[in-house]
N, C-alpha and C. Protein backbone atom coordinates (compact mmCIF):
# COMPACT_ATOMS: atom_id res chain seq x y z
N MET A 1 92.89 83.80 127.22
CA MET A 1 93.40 84.63 126.69
C MET A 1 94.06 85.47 128.03
N LYS A 2 95.57 85.62 128.30
CA LYS A 2 96.21 86.30 129.32
C LYS A 2 95.95 87.70 129.25
N LEU A 3 96.14 87.84 130.13
CA LEU A 3 95.54 89.33 130.52
C LEU A 3 96.73 90.39 130.90
N THR A 4 96.85 91.04 130.10
CA THR A 4 98.26 91.76 130.43
C THR A 4 97.78 93.16 130.39
N LYS A 5 98.82 93.90 130.91
CA LYS A 5 98.84 95.01 130.78
C LYS A 5 98.16 96.07 129.71
N LYS A 6 99.08 95.75 129.08
CA LYS A 6 98.49 96.83 127.52
C LYS A 6 96.85 96.57 127.18
N ARG A 7 96.56 94.91 127.28
CA ARG A 7 95.18 94.82 126.96
C ARG A 7 94.08 95.76 127.76
N VAL A 8 94.70 95.56 129.12
CA VAL A 8 93.44 96.52 130.64
C VAL A 8 94.05 98.11 130.02
N VAL A 9 94.23 98.34 129.83
CA VAL A 9 94.89 99.69 128.86
C VAL A 9 94.01 100.01 127.94
N LEU A 10 94.04 99.08 126.75
CA LEU A 10 93.21 99.35 125.52
C LEU A 10 91.80 99.35 126.10
N PHE A 11 91.62 98.14 127.19
CA PHE A 11 89.93 97.86 127.80
C PHE A 11 89.49 99.74 128.01
N LEU A 12 90.35 100.15 128.99
CA LEU A 12 89.62 100.67 129.59
C LEU A 12 89.71 102.31 129.26
N LEU A 13 90.73 102.35 127.90
CA LEU A 13 90.63 103.62 127.06
C LEU A 13 89.90 103.55 125.64
N PHE A 14 89.40 102.46 125.24
CA PHE A 14 88.33 102.52 123.98
C PHE A 14 87.14 101.62 124.41
N ILE A 15 87.36 100.59 124.59
CA ILE A 15 86.39 99.72 124.77
C ILE A 15 85.31 99.97 125.82
N PHE A 16 85.98 100.00 127.32
CA PHE A 16 84.76 100.50 128.33
C PHE A 16 83.97 102.01 128.28
N PRO A 17 84.61 102.88 127.83
CA PRO A 17 83.49 103.94 127.21
C PRO A 17 82.67 103.71 126.48
N LEU A 18 82.72 103.00 125.46
CA LEU A 18 81.47 102.45 124.41
C LEU A 18 80.71 101.83 125.28
N ILE A 19 81.17 100.97 126.21
CA ILE A 19 79.93 100.12 126.88
C ILE A 19 79.29 100.74 127.68
N CYS A 20 80.00 102.18 128.33
CA CYS A 20 79.06 102.70 129.26
C CYS A 20 77.87 103.61 128.49
N PHE A 21 78.89 104.05 127.57
CA PHE A 21 77.73 104.67 126.46
C PHE A 21 76.33 104.16 126.15
N LEU A 22 76.70 102.90 126.06
CA LEU A 22 75.55 102.34 125.30
C LEU A 22 74.46 101.90 126.48
N ILE A 23 75.30 101.81 127.31
CA ILE A 23 74.06 101.20 129.16
C ILE A 23 73.72 102.37 129.55
N LEU A 24 73.90 103.38 129.22
CA LEU A 24 73.75 104.79 129.77
C LEU A 24 72.78 105.59 129.32
N SER A 25 73.12 105.76 127.58
CA SER A 25 71.94 106.21 126.66
C SER A 25 70.87 105.74 126.90
N THR A 26 69.59 106.86 126.71
CA THR A 26 68.06 106.02 126.66
C THR A 26 67.76 105.71 125.18
N GLY A 27 66.92 104.82 125.28
CA GLY A 27 66.23 104.91 123.35
C GLY A 27 66.23 103.33 123.19
N LYS A 28 65.43 102.29 123.10
CA LYS A 28 65.63 101.68 122.42
C LYS A 28 66.59 101.26 121.21
N ASN A 29 66.50 102.47 120.43
CA ASN A 29 67.80 102.47 118.97
C ASN A 29 69.07 102.27 119.49
N ASN A 30 69.33 102.37 120.68
CA ASN A 30 71.01 102.15 121.11
C ASN A 30 71.05 100.99 121.42
N PHE A 31 70.18 99.54 121.97
CA PHE A 31 70.09 98.55 122.12
C PHE A 31 70.02 97.64 121.05
N THR A 32 69.42 98.22 120.14
CA THR A 32 69.83 97.17 118.83
C THR A 32 70.74 97.63 117.96
N LYS A 33 70.45 97.29 116.32
CA LYS A 33 70.97 97.50 115.38
C LYS A 33 70.35 98.65 114.91
N LEU A 34 71.15 99.77 114.51
CA LEU A 34 70.89 100.44 113.69
C LEU A 34 70.55 100.16 112.53
N PRO A 35 68.70 100.84 112.14
CA PRO A 35 67.62 100.31 111.09
C PRO A 35 68.99 100.67 109.49
N ILE A 36 68.05 100.37 108.79
CA ILE A 36 68.53 100.27 107.52
C ILE A 36 67.48 101.22 106.81
N VAL A 37 67.45 102.28 106.91
CA VAL A 37 66.51 102.89 105.77
C VAL A 37 65.95 102.89 104.55
N THR A 38 67.40 102.82 103.80
CA THR A 38 67.25 102.49 102.17
C THR A 38 68.90 101.76 101.99
N LYS A 39 68.43 100.56 101.38
CA LYS A 39 69.13 99.53 100.74
C LYS A 39 70.16 99.79 99.46
N ASN A 40 71.42 99.74 99.33
CA ASN A 40 72.16 99.59 98.01
C ASN A 40 71.87 101.19 97.24
N ILE A 41 72.29 102.05 97.91
CA ILE A 41 72.41 103.48 97.32
C ILE A 41 73.32 103.41 96.03
N VAL A 42 72.94 104.31 95.47
CA VAL A 42 74.14 104.71 94.56
C VAL A 42 75.86 104.99 94.99
N ASP A 43 76.58 104.36 94.58
CA ASP A 43 77.67 104.31 95.81
C ASP A 43 78.33 105.87 94.97
N ILE A 44 79.03 105.92 95.73
CA ILE A 44 79.96 107.49 95.37
C ILE A 44 80.91 107.56 94.16
N SER A 45 81.29 106.00 93.94
CA SER A 45 82.57 105.94 93.11
C SER A 45 82.02 106.39 91.38
N THR A 46 80.95 106.22 91.50
CA THR A 46 79.44 107.38 90.46
C THR A 46 80.37 108.46 90.36
N ILE A 47 80.36 109.45 91.13
CA ILE A 47 80.89 110.64 90.98
C ILE A 47 82.72 110.67 91.25
N ASP A 48 82.99 109.99 91.74
CA ASP A 48 84.32 110.08 92.05
C ASP A 48 85.48 108.50 92.05
N PRO A 49 85.56 108.27 91.13
CA PRO A 49 86.10 106.67 91.19
C PRO A 49 87.15 106.30 92.29
N THR A 50 87.86 107.45 92.83
CA THR A 50 88.86 107.05 93.73
C THR A 50 88.27 107.07 95.24
N LYS A 51 86.70 106.94 94.98
CA LYS A 51 85.86 107.24 96.88
C LYS A 51 84.91 105.86 96.67
N THR A 52 84.67 105.62 97.77
CA THR A 52 83.51 104.45 97.86
C THR A 52 83.38 104.41 99.15
N PHE A 53 82.03 103.95 99.37
CA PHE A 53 80.95 103.65 100.79
C PHE A 53 81.70 102.44 101.19
N LYS A 54 81.70 101.57 100.26
CA LYS A 54 82.14 100.41 100.38
C LYS A 54 83.04 100.18 101.42
N GLY A 55 83.61 99.38 102.95
CA GLY A 55 84.34 98.90 103.62
C GLY A 55 84.70 100.40 104.70
N ASN A 56 83.83 101.53 104.39
CA ASN A 56 83.55 102.70 105.10
C ASN A 56 82.49 102.86 105.95
N ILE A 57 82.54 103.98 106.86
CA ILE A 57 81.52 104.59 107.75
C ILE A 57 81.69 105.70 107.41
N SER A 58 80.13 106.46 106.73
CA SER A 58 80.52 107.85 105.62
C SER A 58 79.33 108.81 106.49
N ILE A 59 79.90 109.86 106.33
CA ILE A 59 78.67 110.67 106.69
C ILE A 59 78.83 111.62 105.11
N VAL A 60 77.53 111.66 104.58
CA VAL A 60 77.52 112.34 103.12
C VAL A 60 76.77 113.69 103.56
N CYS A 61 77.27 114.79 102.68
CA CYS A 61 76.79 116.19 103.09
C CYS A 61 76.79 116.75 101.51
N PHE A 62 75.73 117.42 100.84
CA PHE A 62 75.69 118.32 100.10
C PHE A 62 76.11 119.78 100.33
N LEU A 63 76.71 120.37 99.53
CA LEU A 63 77.22 121.99 99.60
C LEU A 63 76.48 122.72 98.80
N GLY A 64 76.26 121.98 97.64
CA GLY A 64 74.73 123.24 96.79
C GLY A 64 75.69 124.38 96.11
N ASN A 65 74.90 125.05 95.76
CA ASN A 65 75.07 126.01 94.86
C ASN A 65 75.87 127.52 95.18
N ASN A 66 75.10 127.26 97.07
CA ASN A 66 75.04 128.87 97.57
C ASN A 66 75.97 128.16 99.31
N ILE A 67 77.11 128.12 98.64
CA ILE A 67 78.39 127.57 99.83
C ILE A 67 78.00 128.38 100.98
N ASP A 68 78.56 129.49 100.66
CA ASP A 68 78.85 130.70 101.48
C ASP A 68 77.70 131.26 102.61
N GLU A 69 76.54 130.82 102.32
CA GLU A 69 75.36 131.22 102.93
C GLU A 69 75.08 129.75 103.84
N ASN A 70 75.62 128.87 103.24
CA ASN A 70 74.91 127.24 104.44
C ASN A 70 76.30 127.11 105.10
N ARG A 71 77.25 128.02 105.37
CA ARG A 71 78.54 127.56 105.85
C ARG A 71 78.47 127.23 107.16
N GLY A 72 77.46 127.73 107.92
CA GLY A 72 77.29 127.54 109.52
C GLY A 72 77.04 125.92 109.42
N GLY A 73 76.25 125.55 109.01
CA GLY A 73 75.95 123.96 109.23
C GLY A 73 77.19 123.09 108.94
N PHE A 74 78.30 123.31 107.74
CA PHE A 74 79.24 122.22 108.18
C PHE A 74 80.44 122.25 109.03
N PHE A 75 80.38 123.80 109.76
CA PHE A 75 81.20 123.84 110.70
C PHE A 75 80.75 123.25 111.78
N ASN A 76 79.43 123.22 112.22
CA ASN A 76 78.75 122.52 113.63
C ASN A 76 78.69 121.01 112.94
N LEU A 77 78.88 120.89 111.57
CA LEU A 77 79.55 119.07 111.67
C LEU A 77 81.02 118.76 111.78
N ASN A 78 81.80 119.46 111.51
CA ASN A 78 82.79 119.61 112.06
C ASN A 78 83.28 119.59 113.64
N GLU A 79 82.64 120.61 113.78
CA GLU A 79 83.13 120.48 115.30
C GLU A 79 82.41 119.61 116.36
N LYS A 80 80.84 119.05 115.79
CA LYS A 80 80.14 118.04 116.93
C LYS A 80 80.33 116.80 116.55
N ILE A 81 80.79 116.25 115.14
CA ILE A 81 80.86 115.25 114.74
C ILE A 81 82.23 114.87 114.12
N TYR A 82 82.89 115.22 113.25
CA TYR A 82 84.09 115.14 112.38
C TYR A 82 85.09 114.81 113.56
N LYS A 83 85.32 115.99 114.26
CA LYS A 83 86.30 116.12 115.61
C LYS A 83 86.17 114.85 116.57
N ASN A 84 85.18 114.59 116.91
CA ASN A 84 84.65 113.08 117.30
C ASN A 84 84.88 111.69 116.97
N PHE A 85 85.01 111.64 115.74
CA PHE A 85 85.33 110.52 115.20
C PHE A 85 86.97 110.46 113.86
N ILE A 86 87.38 111.44 114.45
CA ILE A 86 88.85 111.23 113.35
C ILE A 86 89.54 110.35 113.33
N LYS A 87 89.59 109.73 114.65
CA LYS A 87 90.73 109.00 115.01
C LYS A 87 89.76 107.30 114.70
N TYR A 88 88.84 107.42 114.24
CA TYR A 88 88.09 106.16 114.42
C TYR A 88 88.49 105.29 113.10
N ASN A 89 88.74 104.31 113.08
CA ASN A 89 88.91 103.82 111.65
C ASN A 89 87.83 103.25 110.64
N LYS A 90 87.96 103.64 109.42
CA LYS A 90 87.33 103.69 107.97
C LYS A 90 85.92 104.74 108.28
N PHE A 91 86.84 105.92 108.64
CA PHE A 91 85.56 106.63 108.76
C PHE A 91 86.12 107.89 107.95
N GLN A 92 84.70 108.68 107.38
CA GLN A 92 85.14 109.53 106.59
C GLN A 92 83.58 110.93 106.60
N ILE A 93 84.02 112.02 106.18
CA ILE A 93 83.19 112.96 105.53
C ILE A 93 83.32 113.32 104.20
N LEU A 94 82.38 112.95 102.84
CA LEU A 94 81.89 113.17 101.58
C LEU A 94 80.83 114.59 101.51
N ALA A 95 82.05 115.78 101.24
CA ALA A 95 80.81 116.78 101.13
C ALA A 95 81.04 116.52 99.78
N ILE A 96 80.00 116.94 98.92
CA ILE A 96 79.80 116.85 97.59
C ILE A 96 79.31 118.35 97.00
N TYR A 97 79.76 118.66 96.06
CA TYR A 97 79.30 120.25 95.76
C TYR A 97 79.54 119.84 93.96
N PRO A 98 79.06 120.91 93.30
CA PRO A 98 78.76 121.02 91.74
C PRO A 98 80.08 121.71 91.05
N ASP A 99 79.90 121.51 89.86
CA ASP A 99 80.94 121.79 88.77
C ASP A 99 80.98 123.76 89.11
N GLY A 100 82.30 123.97 89.14
CA GLY A 100 82.26 125.44 89.01
C GLY A 100 81.96 125.92 90.57
N LYS A 101 81.84 125.45 91.69
CA LYS A 101 82.15 126.11 92.46
C LYS A 101 83.68 125.82 93.51
N GLU A 102 84.67 125.09 92.65
CA GLU A 102 85.84 125.10 93.18
C GLU A 102 86.15 126.93 94.51
N GLU A 103 86.17 127.73 94.21
CA GLU A 103 86.68 128.71 94.32
C GLU A 103 86.27 128.56 95.84
N GLU A 104 84.53 128.97 96.31
CA GLU A 104 83.66 128.85 97.07
C GLU A 104 84.28 127.26 97.95
N VAL A 105 84.50 126.40 97.72
CA VAL A 105 84.84 125.23 98.40
C VAL A 105 86.38 125.22 98.49
N GLN A 106 87.15 125.92 98.20
CA GLN A 106 88.75 125.98 98.61
C GLN A 106 88.62 127.05 99.93
N LYS A 107 88.04 127.94 99.46
CA LYS A 107 87.34 129.35 100.89
C LYS A 107 86.90 128.72 102.05
N ILE A 108 85.73 127.22 102.35
CA ILE A 108 85.35 127.09 103.07
C ILE A 108 86.66 125.66 103.56
N LYS A 109 87.15 125.25 102.56
CA LYS A 109 88.42 123.71 103.08
C LYS A 109 89.50 124.71 104.47
N LYS A 110 89.84 126.01 103.57
CA LYS A 110 90.52 126.87 104.44
C LYS A 110 90.47 126.98 105.29
N GLU A 111 89.04 127.62 105.39
CA GLU A 111 88.60 128.14 107.17
C GLU A 111 88.57 127.00 108.16
N ILE A 112 88.49 125.84 107.39
CA ILE A 112 87.75 124.47 108.29
C ILE A 112 89.12 124.19 108.49
N SER A 113 89.98 123.75 107.69
CA SER A 113 91.35 123.12 108.13
C SER A 113 92.73 124.49 109.02
N ALA A 114 92.16 125.72 109.02
CA ALA A 114 92.80 126.28 110.10
C ALA A 114 92.65 126.07 111.30
N PHE A 115 91.78 125.09 111.89
CA PHE A 115 92.10 124.21 113.63
C PHE A 115 91.10 123.05 113.29
N THR A 116 91.91 121.94 112.10
CA THR A 116 91.25 120.82 112.08
C THR A 116 91.74 120.00 110.97
N ASP A 117 92.59 118.77 111.75
CA ASP A 117 93.09 117.98 110.44
C ASP A 117 92.20 117.37 109.80
N MET A 118 92.45 117.81 108.23
CA MET A 118 91.40 118.06 107.25
C MET A 118 91.56 116.33 106.56
N VAL A 119 92.20 115.30 107.55
CA VAL A 119 92.94 113.62 106.53
C VAL A 119 91.72 113.09 106.15
N LYS A 120 90.22 113.36 106.97
CA LYS A 120 88.92 112.50 106.61
C LYS A 120 88.07 113.18 105.73
N TRP A 121 88.65 114.71 105.91
CA TRP A 121 86.92 115.54 105.10
C TRP A 121 87.44 114.83 103.58
N ASN A 122 86.38 115.04 102.79
CA ASN A 122 86.49 114.85 101.29
C ASN A 122 85.47 115.39 100.41
N PHE A 123 86.13 116.36 99.75
CA PHE A 123 85.51 116.95 98.87
C PHE A 123 85.28 116.74 97.84
N ILE A 124 84.27 116.39 97.10
CA ILE A 124 83.75 115.85 95.67
C ILE A 124 83.13 116.82 94.52
N LYS A 125 83.70 116.80 93.49
CA LYS A 125 83.25 117.29 92.64
C LYS A 125 81.97 116.80 91.47
N GLY A 126 80.92 117.07 91.40
CA GLY A 126 80.23 115.99 90.32
C GLY A 126 79.22 116.73 89.64
N SER A 127 78.48 115.99 88.61
CA SER A 127 77.87 117.09 87.59
C SER A 127 76.49 117.00 88.59
N LYS A 128 75.55 117.85 87.78
CA LYS A 128 74.25 118.28 88.61
C LYS A 128 73.43 116.75 88.76
N LYS A 129 73.76 115.87 87.55
CA LYS A 129 72.81 114.73 87.14
C LYS A 129 73.36 113.97 88.03
N ASN A 130 74.66 113.96 88.17
CA ASN A 130 75.11 112.77 88.90
C ASN A 130 74.96 112.83 90.76
N ILE A 131 75.28 114.10 90.45
CA ILE A 131 74.89 114.58 92.34
C ILE A 131 73.02 113.97 92.86
N LYS A 132 72.07 114.68 91.77
CA LYS A 132 70.85 114.20 91.99
C LYS A 132 70.55 112.57 91.80
N ALA A 133 71.01 111.99 90.97
CA ALA A 133 70.85 110.72 90.91
C ALA A 133 71.54 109.97 92.47
N LEU A 134 72.41 110.53 93.01
CA LEU A 134 73.24 110.20 94.06
C LEU A 134 72.04 110.15 95.71
N TYR A 135 71.89 111.67 95.60
CA TYR A 135 70.71 111.90 96.56
C TYR A 135 69.32 111.05 96.19
N THR A 136 68.77 111.01 94.98
CA THR A 136 67.24 110.12 94.51
C THR A 136 67.91 108.78 94.83
N SER A 137 68.70 107.84 94.83
CA SER A 137 69.04 106.59 95.36
C SER A 137 68.87 106.46 97.05
N PHE A 138 68.91 107.70 97.74
CA PHE A 138 68.82 107.94 99.39
C PHE A 138 66.97 107.51 99.89
N LYS A 139 65.98 107.95 98.72
CA LYS A 139 65.05 107.84 98.77
C LYS A 139 64.73 108.74 100.23
N ALA A 140 65.22 109.68 100.37
CA ALA A 140 64.54 110.61 101.55
C ALA A 140 63.87 111.46 101.29
N LYS A 141 63.06 112.39 102.50
CA LYS A 141 61.87 112.61 102.13
C LYS A 141 61.86 114.19 101.63
N ASP A 142 63.01 114.98 101.92
CA ASP A 142 63.45 116.35 101.52
C ASP A 142 63.95 116.63 100.25
N SER A 143 63.78 117.66 99.57
CA SER A 143 64.06 117.52 98.38
C SER A 143 65.41 118.01 98.49
N LEU A 144 66.25 118.12 97.32
CA LEU A 144 67.50 118.55 96.91
C LEU A 144 67.69 119.64 96.41
N LYS A 145 67.19 121.09 96.79
CA LYS A 145 67.11 122.29 96.34
C LYS A 145 68.62 123.38 96.09
N ASN A 146 68.67 123.31 94.70
CA ASN A 146 70.09 124.12 94.82
C ASN A 146 71.23 123.10 94.95
N LEU A 147 70.62 121.68 94.91
CA LEU A 147 71.83 120.56 94.60
C LEU A 147 72.79 120.95 96.53
N TYR A 148 71.68 121.17 97.41
CA TYR A 148 71.91 121.25 98.91
C TYR A 148 70.68 120.88 99.85
N THR A 149 71.07 119.95 100.93
CA THR A 149 69.95 120.41 102.03
C THR A 149 71.12 120.19 103.28
N SER A 150 70.16 120.68 104.09
CA SER A 150 70.50 120.91 105.68
C SER A 150 70.90 119.69 106.18
N LYS A 151 70.26 118.34 105.84
CA LYS A 151 70.50 117.24 106.32
C LYS A 151 72.04 116.88 105.75
N VAL A 152 72.28 115.68 106.69
CA VAL A 152 73.67 114.93 106.30
C VAL A 152 73.39 113.33 106.69
N TYR A 153 73.42 112.56 105.67
CA TYR A 153 73.24 111.23 105.65
C TYR A 153 74.60 110.06 106.38
N LEU A 154 73.54 108.95 106.72
CA LEU A 154 74.97 108.24 107.34
C LEU A 154 75.08 107.00 106.73
N VAL A 155 75.79 106.59 106.30
CA VAL A 155 75.98 105.24 104.76
C VAL A 155 77.24 103.93 105.83
N ASP A 156 76.82 103.20 105.77
CA ASP A 156 77.21 102.04 106.52
C ASP A 156 78.46 101.81 105.24
N LYS A 157 79.08 100.15 105.75
CA LYS A 157 80.40 99.51 104.93
C LYS A 157 80.11 98.55 103.65
N ASN A 158 78.50 98.72 103.71
CA ASN A 158 77.75 97.82 102.66
C ASN A 158 77.20 98.99 101.77
N GLY A 159 76.92 100.63 101.97
CA GLY A 159 76.57 101.17 101.17
C GLY A 159 74.93 101.40 101.26
N ASP A 160 74.33 100.85 102.47
CA ASP A 160 73.36 100.90 103.23
C ASP A 160 73.05 102.17 104.16
N LEU A 161 71.87 103.19 103.57
CA LEU A 161 71.53 104.35 104.04
C LEU A 161 71.10 103.78 105.38
N ARG A 162 71.88 104.13 106.73
CA ARG A 162 71.62 104.12 108.11
C ARG A 162 70.59 104.99 108.98
N GLY A 163 69.58 105.01 109.63
CA GLY A 163 69.33 106.34 110.28
C GLY A 163 67.83 105.58 111.58
N ARG A 164 66.98 106.09 111.18
CA ARG A 164 66.19 105.83 112.54
C ARG A 164 64.88 105.50 111.89
N VAL A 165 63.81 104.29 112.69
CA VAL A 165 62.57 103.92 112.25
C VAL A 165 61.57 104.63 113.33
N ASN A 166 61.89 105.00 114.54
CA ASN A 166 60.94 105.38 115.21
C ASN A 166 61.32 106.61 116.14
N ASP A 167 62.01 107.32 115.14
CA ASP A 167 62.30 109.01 115.39
C ASP A 167 61.06 109.69 116.33
N ALA A 168 60.77 110.42 117.41
CA ALA A 168 59.77 111.04 118.01
C ALA A 168 59.68 111.91 116.97
N ASP A 169 61.00 113.14 116.77
CA ASP A 169 60.38 114.04 116.01
C ASP A 169 59.94 113.96 114.35
N SER A 170 59.61 112.90 113.82
CA SER A 170 59.59 112.60 112.50
C SER A 170 57.95 112.11 112.07
N LYS A 171 57.16 112.38 111.28
CA LYS A 171 56.34 112.45 111.60
C LYS A 171 55.82 110.93 111.05
N ASP A 172 56.24 110.13 110.29
CA ASP A 172 56.33 108.69 110.74
C ASP A 172 57.07 107.77 110.80
N GLY A 173 58.00 108.42 111.56
CA GLY A 173 58.90 107.98 112.74
C GLY A 173 60.17 107.51 112.03
N LYS A 174 60.20 108.05 110.69
CA LYS A 174 62.31 107.66 109.71
C LYS A 174 62.29 108.87 110.00
N LEU A 175 63.72 108.79 110.21
CA LEU A 175 64.77 109.40 109.97
C LEU A 175 65.74 109.39 108.86
N PHE A 176 65.59 109.73 107.74
CA PHE A 176 66.56 109.51 107.13
C PHE A 176 67.92 110.00 106.97
N GLY A 177 67.93 111.36 107.42
CA GLY A 177 68.64 112.59 107.36
C GLY A 177 68.66 113.38 108.78
N TYR A 178 69.63 113.70 109.26
CA TYR A 178 70.29 114.48 110.16
C TYR A 178 70.43 116.19 109.83
N ASN A 179 69.95 116.89 110.47
CA ASN A 179 70.21 118.74 110.46
C ASN A 179 71.65 118.91 110.84
N MET A 180 72.24 119.44 109.96
CA MET A 180 73.56 120.06 110.70
C MET A 180 73.25 121.52 111.16
N ASN A 181 72.39 121.96 110.94
CA ASN A 181 72.20 123.07 111.69
C ASN A 181 71.73 122.81 112.89
N SER A 182 71.37 122.00 113.43
CA SER A 182 70.97 121.69 114.91
C SER A 182 71.96 120.95 115.56
N VAL A 183 72.70 121.85 116.42
CA VAL A 183 73.55 121.39 117.41
C VAL A 183 72.81 120.25 118.04
N SER A 184 72.02 120.32 118.54
CA SER A 184 71.18 119.46 119.19
C SER A 184 71.16 117.54 118.24
N VAL A 185 70.84 117.93 117.30
CA VAL A 185 70.12 117.17 116.51
C VAL A 185 71.63 116.33 116.20
N LEU A 186 72.59 117.07 115.80
CA LEU A 186 74.12 116.21 115.70
C LEU A 186 74.85 115.42 116.96
N ASN A 187 74.21 116.42 118.18
CA ASN A 187 75.23 115.79 119.36
C ASN A 187 74.22 114.89 120.03
N GLY A 188 73.01 114.11 119.95
CA GLY A 188 71.29 113.82 120.56
C GLY A 188 71.49 112.99 119.69
N LYS A 189 71.69 113.10 118.45
CA LYS A 189 71.33 111.66 117.37
C LYS A 189 71.94 110.98 116.46
N LEU A 190 73.18 111.99 115.73
CA LEU A 190 73.97 111.73 114.88
C LEU A 190 75.18 110.79 115.37
N LYS A 191 75.51 111.50 116.39
CA LYS A 191 76.55 111.09 117.40
C LYS A 191 76.41 110.12 117.76
N ASP A 192 75.32 109.93 118.63
CA ASP A 192 74.99 108.95 119.16
C ASP A 192 74.39 107.78 118.10
N ASP A 193 74.14 107.55 117.01
CA ASP A 193 73.95 106.65 115.72
C ASP A 193 75.18 106.21 115.11
N VAL A 194 76.35 106.99 115.07
CA VAL A 194 77.65 106.41 114.65
C VAL A 194 77.89 105.76 115.75
N LEU A 195 77.66 105.83 117.33
CA LEU A 195 78.72 105.09 117.88
C LEU A 195 78.11 103.77 118.03
N VAL A 196 76.39 103.84 117.90
CA VAL A 196 75.90 102.69 117.64
C VAL A 196 76.54 101.43 116.32
N LEU A 197 76.48 102.70 115.52
CA LEU A 197 77.03 101.72 114.14
C LEU A 197 78.16 101.32 114.31
N TYR A 198 79.59 101.89 115.18
CA TYR A 198 80.63 100.97 115.42
C TYR A 198 80.30 100.08 116.27
N TYR A 199 79.67 100.44 117.21
CA TYR A 199 79.76 99.11 118.52
C TYR A 199 78.89 97.87 117.59
N GLU A 200 77.84 98.14 116.47
CA GLU A 200 77.26 96.71 115.82
C GLU A 200 78.62 96.01 115.28
N TYR A 201 79.34 97.03 114.62
CA TYR A 201 80.58 96.26 113.86
C TYR A 201 81.82 95.40 114.58
N TYR A 202 81.38 95.99 115.96
CA TYR A 202 82.28 95.57 116.95
C TYR A 202 81.95 94.27 117.33
N ALA A 203 80.67 94.63 118.03
CA ALA A 203 80.03 92.87 118.29
C ALA A 203 80.10 92.25 117.17
N SER A 204 80.12 92.29 115.69
CA SER A 204 80.05 91.37 114.67
C SER A 204 81.67 90.68 114.92
N PHE A 205 82.28 91.68 114.80
CA PHE A 205 83.53 91.27 114.60
C PHE A 205 84.08 90.16 115.81
N LYS A 206 83.18 90.74 116.98
CA LYS A 206 83.25 89.94 118.52
C LYS A 206 83.12 88.75 118.40
N ASP A 207 81.83 88.29 117.55
CA ASP A 207 81.21 87.32 117.57
C ASP A 207 81.71 86.20 116.51
N LYS A 208 82.48 87.14 115.30
CA LYS A 208 83.15 85.94 114.45
C LYS A 208 84.49 85.58 115.30
N ASN A 209 85.22 86.04 115.97
CA ASN A 209 86.12 85.36 116.47
C ASN A 209 85.70 84.48 117.50
N LYS A 210 85.18 84.65 117.93
CA LYS A 210 84.77 84.13 118.94
C LYS A 210 84.21 82.14 118.51
N ASN A 211 83.23 82.51 117.33
CA ASN A 211 82.76 81.48 116.65
C ASN A 211 83.81 80.52 115.81
N LYS A 212 85.37 81.33 115.62
CA LYS A 212 86.55 80.85 114.91
C LYS A 212 86.97 79.64 115.54
N ALA A 213 86.95 80.48 117.15
CA ALA A 213 87.32 79.64 118.31
C ALA A 213 86.84 78.85 118.99
N ASP A 214 85.28 78.85 118.42
CA ASP A 214 84.52 77.94 119.20
C ASP A 214 85.08 76.00 118.24
N ARG A 215 85.03 76.72 116.54
CA ARG A 215 85.24 75.54 116.11
C ARG A 215 86.51 75.00 115.58
N LYS A 216 87.46 75.99 116.39
CA LYS A 216 88.92 75.43 116.43
C LYS A 216 89.20 74.38 117.45
N GLU A 217 88.27 74.67 118.74
CA GLU A 217 88.21 73.80 120.07
C GLU A 217 87.34 72.52 119.44
N VAL A 218 86.41 72.21 118.90
CA VAL A 218 85.81 70.71 118.59
C VAL A 218 86.69 70.51 117.31
N GLY A 219 87.67 70.86 116.95
CA GLY A 219 88.60 70.30 114.84
C GLY A 219 87.73 70.99 114.13
N LEU A 220 86.81 71.70 114.20
CA LEU A 220 86.12 72.12 112.22
C LEU A 220 87.20 72.85 112.19
């Protein structure tokens, strides 16, 4: 492949920083595929037919019945995660809220949109039954109180829940969700894991293209 100025610029802007991140970041988790902690969770289309986990990298959060009381975590999520990944392909945040909370949702949307492009924020209304069914499928260790949890969840393109199986801060090493009230968790864990997941897909895409090129060379 001919090395052009455009390719060099693209490499320096996008691929090289990601490779540097993986080399410099500490922890075994960054050098392997991000673990699947729950396979085949319920798809978000069961709540909103216009949305899906499939083909996307999704951050899922549950707003609950007391949105105003819990708003701090959602602003943390916006600042530390959303703004870092808004330009990434197929990235989305799905904020799920119960019927009857439209007014509170409009308020928080207005506050966030004052300094953020909301194009990849998706606020999804659902019934109590459907919200609980979705959360139950995660098989997470924490309960969903008042349809709210301070944890946010990372779902891959296949609709599997990703997390950690060797997390130092979890009793059994398993990390299902990331505490959005903790800036250190968002910066030090969720941000890292989203990058690892993107690199996993990039590496898979690169391997597929290489295999196609190899097969073409031998006439397959």
